[in-house]
């Protein structure tokens, strides 16, 4: 039987000189800038993500859920907000620029 190595991708750390807008996640999407805040909660049995644009410019972001349907692309003005819910078994994964 051959030796098998299993890697936990969540434990890997990547660093770079890229800006927030250029930072690419492992799935190939561009991560939302760090001036976008997300607050997680439950709405009944459904997970909910509330997103606020604390950037000085308009941003387009979408919520990516593991084991659930991702949100649509939301255009947020500075200070603007949006929310997203997904299926009962979904888990928040990340925010992506779109």
C-alpha atoms as a PDB file:
ATOM      1  CA  UNK A   1       0.000   0.000   0.000  1.00  0.00           C
ATOM      2  CA  UNK A   2       1.409   3.377  -1.014  1.00  0.00           C
ATOM      3  CA  UNK A   3       1.964   6.123   1.531  1.00  0.00           C
ATOM      4  CA  UNK A   4      -0.633   8.863   1.270  1.00  0.00           C
ATOM      5  CA  UNK A   5      -0.178  12.414   2.525  1.00  0.00           C
ATOM      6  CA  UNK A   6      -3.250  14.424   3.403  1.00  0.00           C
ATOM      7  CA  UNK A   7      -2.988  18.215   3.486  1.00  0.00           C
ATOM      8  CA  UNK A   8      -5.385  20.461   5.357  1.00  0.00           C
ATOM      9  CA  UNK A   9      -5.665  23.494   3.049  1.00  0.00           C
ATOM     10  CA  UNK A  10      -7.222  25.608   5.820  1.00  0.00           C
ATOM     11  CA  UNK A  11      -3.988  25.395   7.800  1.00  0.00           C
ATOM     12  CA  UNK A  12      -1.772  26.643   4.972  1.00  0.00           C
ATOM     13  CA  UNK A  13      -0.704  30.268   5.088  1.00  0.00           C
ATOM     14  CA  UNK A  14       0.119  32.226   1.945  1.00  0.00           C
ATOM     15  CA  UNK A  15       1.773  35.650   1.936  1.00  0.00           C
ATOM     16  CA  UNK A  16       2.387  38.015  -0.923  1.00  0.00           C
ATOM     17  CA  UNK A  17       2.945  41.626  -1.871  1.00  0.00           C
ATOM     18  CA  UNK A  18      -0.442  41.855  -3.588  1.00  0.00           C
ATOM     19  CA  UNK A  19      -3.029  44.457  -2.679  1.00  0.00           C
ATOM     20  CA  UNK A  20      -6.358  43.400  -1.166  1.00  0.00           C
ATOM     21  CA  UNK A  21      -7.989  43.720  -4.606  1.00  0.00           C
ATOM     22  CA  UNK A  22      -5.359  41.458  -6.173  1.00  0.00           C
ATOM     23  CA  UNK A  23      -5.315  38.781  -3.484  1.00  0.00           C
ATOM     24  CA  UNK A  24      -6.545  35.583  -5.114  1.00  0.00           C
ATOM     25  CA  UNK A  25      -7.956  32.753  -3.042  1.00  0.00           C
ATOM     26  CA  UNK A  26      -7.288  29.097  -3.683  1.00  0.00           C
ATOM     27  CA  UNK A  27     -10.489  28.633  -5.708  1.00  0.00           C
ATOM     28  CA  UNK A  28      -9.380  31.291  -8.186  1.00  0.00           C
ATOM     29  CA  UNK A  29     -11.718  34.103  -7.155  1.00  0.00           C
ATOM     30  CA  UNK A  30     -10.516  37.509  -5.987  1.00  0.00           C
ATOM     31  CA  UNK A  31     -11.078  38.124  -2.285  1.00  0.00           C
ATOM     32  CA  UNK A  32     -13.043  41.208  -1.263  1.00  0.00           C
ATOM     33  CA  UNK A  33     -10.954  44.034   0.227  1.00  0.00           C
ATOM     34  CA  UNK A  34     -10.386  43.983   3.977  1.00  0.00           C
ATOM     35  CA  UNK A  35     -12.375  47.213   4.409  1.00  0.00           C
ATOM     36  CA  UNK A  36     -15.523  45.110   3.831  1.00  0.00           C
ATOM     37  CA  UNK A  37     -16.809  43.822   7.183  1.00  0.00           C
ATOM     38  CA  UNK A  38     -18.961  40.739   7.653  1.00  0.00           C
ATOM     39  CA  UNK A  39     -20.986  39.783  10.715  1.00  0.00           C
ATOM     40  CA  UNK A  40     -22.305  36.224  11.009  1.00  0.00           C
ATOM     41  CA  UNK A  41     -25.491  35.141  12.778  1.00  0.00           C
ATOM     42  CA  UNK A  42     -28.414  32.725  12.457  1.00  0.00           C
ATOM     43  CA  UNK A  43     -31.862  33.557  11.160  1.00  0.00           C
ATOM     44  CA  UNK A  44     -33.802  30.671  12.646  1.00  0.00           C
ATOM     45  CA  UNK A  45     -31.892  27.618  11.407  1.00  0.00           C
ATOM     46  CA  UNK A  46     -30.353  29.462   8.447  1.00  0.00           C
ATOM     47  CA  UNK A  47     -26.901  31.061   8.558  1.00  0.00           C
ATOM     48  CA  UNK A  48     -26.838  34.783   7.772  1.00  0.00           C
ATOM     49  CA  UNK A  49     -24.010  37.102   6.739  1.00  0.00           C
ATOM     50  CA  UNK A  50     -24.424  40.872   7.082  1.00  0.00           C
ATOM     51  CA  UNK A  51     -21.900  42.754   4.943  1.00  0.00           C
ATOM     52  CA  UNK A  52     -20.951  46.433   5.359  1.00  0.00           C
ATOM     53  CA  UNK A  53     -18.809  48.465   2.983  1.00  0.00           C
ATOM     54  CA  UNK A  54     -16.382  50.492   5.114  1.00  0.00           C
ATOM     55  CA  UNK A  55     -14.272  51.312   2.045  1.00  0.00           C
ATOM     56  CA  UNK A  56     -14.059  54.823   0.618  1.00  0.00           C
ATOM     57  CA  UNK A  57     -15.292  53.616  -2.780  1.00  0.00           C
ATOM     58  CA  UNK A  58     -18.103  51.522  -4.266  1.00  0.00           C
ATOM     59  CA  UNK A  59     -17.465  47.773  -4.006  1.00  0.00           C
ATOM     60  CA  UNK A  60     -19.034  44.719  -5.618  1.00  0.00           C
ATOM     61  CA  UNK A  61     -18.990  41.624  -3.404  1.00  0.00           C
ATOM     62  CA  UNK A  62     -20.662  38.266  -3.080  1.00  0.00           C
ATOM     63  CA  UNK A  63     -20.883  35.901  -0.134  1.00  0.00           C
ATOM     64  CA  UNK A  64     -19.474  32.431  -0.730  1.00  0.00           C
ATOM     65  CA  UNK A  65     -21.019  29.637   1.320  1.00  0.00           C
ATOM     66  CA  UNK A  66     -19.621  26.139   1.774  1.00  0.00           C
ATOM     67  CA  UNK A  67     -22.402  23.550   1.411  1.00  0.00           C
ATOM     68  CA  UNK A  68     -24.915  26.173   0.311  1.00  0.00           C
ATOM     69  CA  UNK A  69     -25.945  28.556  -2.444  1.00  0.00           C
ATOM     70  CA  UNK A  70     -23.713  31.621  -2.869  1.00  0.00           C
ATOM     71  CA  UNK A  71     -25.217  35.089  -2.909  1.00  0.00           C
ATOM     72  CA  UNK A  72     -25.643  37.231  -5.981  1.00  0.00           C
ATOM     73  CA  UNK A  73     -23.142  39.989  -6.683  1.00  0.00           C
ATOM     74  CA  UNK A  74     -24.046  43.033  -4.558  1.00  0.00           C
ATOM     75  CA  UNK A  75     -22.924  46.558  -5.386  1.00  0.00           C
ATOM     76  CA  UNK A  76     -22.342  48.504  -2.172  1.00  0.00           C
ATOM     77  CA  UNK A  77     -21.812  52.235  -1.929  1.00  0.00           C
ATOM     78  CA  UNK A  78     -19.482  53.448   0.865  1.00  0.00           C
ATOM     79  CA  UNK A  79     -21.335  52.780   4.123  1.00  0.00           C
ATOM     80  CA  UNK A  80     -23.814  50.522   2.294  1.00  0.00           C
ATOM     81  CA  UNK A  81     -24.811  47.059   3.422  1.00  0.00           C
ATOM     82  CA  UNK A  82     -26.310  43.802   2.192  1.00  0.00           C
ATOM     83  CA  UNK A  83     -27.167  40.457   3.722  1.00  0.00           C
ATOM     84  CA  UNK A  84     -27.171  36.873   2.560  1.00  0.00           C
ATOM     85  CA  UNK A  85     -28.746  33.686   3.878  1.00  0.00           C
ATOM     86  CA  UNK A  86     -28.110  30.167   2.685  1.00  0.00           C
ATOM     87  CA  UNK A  87     -29.294  26.631   3.398  1.00  0.00           C
ATOM     88  CA  UNK A  88     -29.502  25.191   6.898  1.00  0.00           C
ATOM     89  CA  UNK A  89     -26.228  23.260   6.533  1.00  0.00           C
ATOM     90  CA  UNK A  90     -24.285  26.066   4.829  1.00  0.00           C
ATOM     91  CA  UNK A  91     -21.180  27.570   6.417  1.00  0.00           C
ATOM     92  CA  UNK A  92     -19.710  30.973   5.628  1.00  0.00           C
ATOM     93  CA  UNK A  93     -16.589  30.545   3.512  1.00  0.00           C
ATOM     94  CA  UNK A  94     -15.468  33.982   2.297  1.00  0.00           C
ATOM     95  CA  UNK A  95     -16.319  37.260   0.567  1.00  0.00           C
ATOM     96  CA  UNK A  96     -15.246  37.644  -3.056  1.00  0.00           C
ATOM     97  CA  UNK A  97     -15.047  40.685  -5.272  1.00  0.00           C
ATOM     98  CA  UNK A  98     -17.292  40.339  -8.327  1.00  0.00           C
END
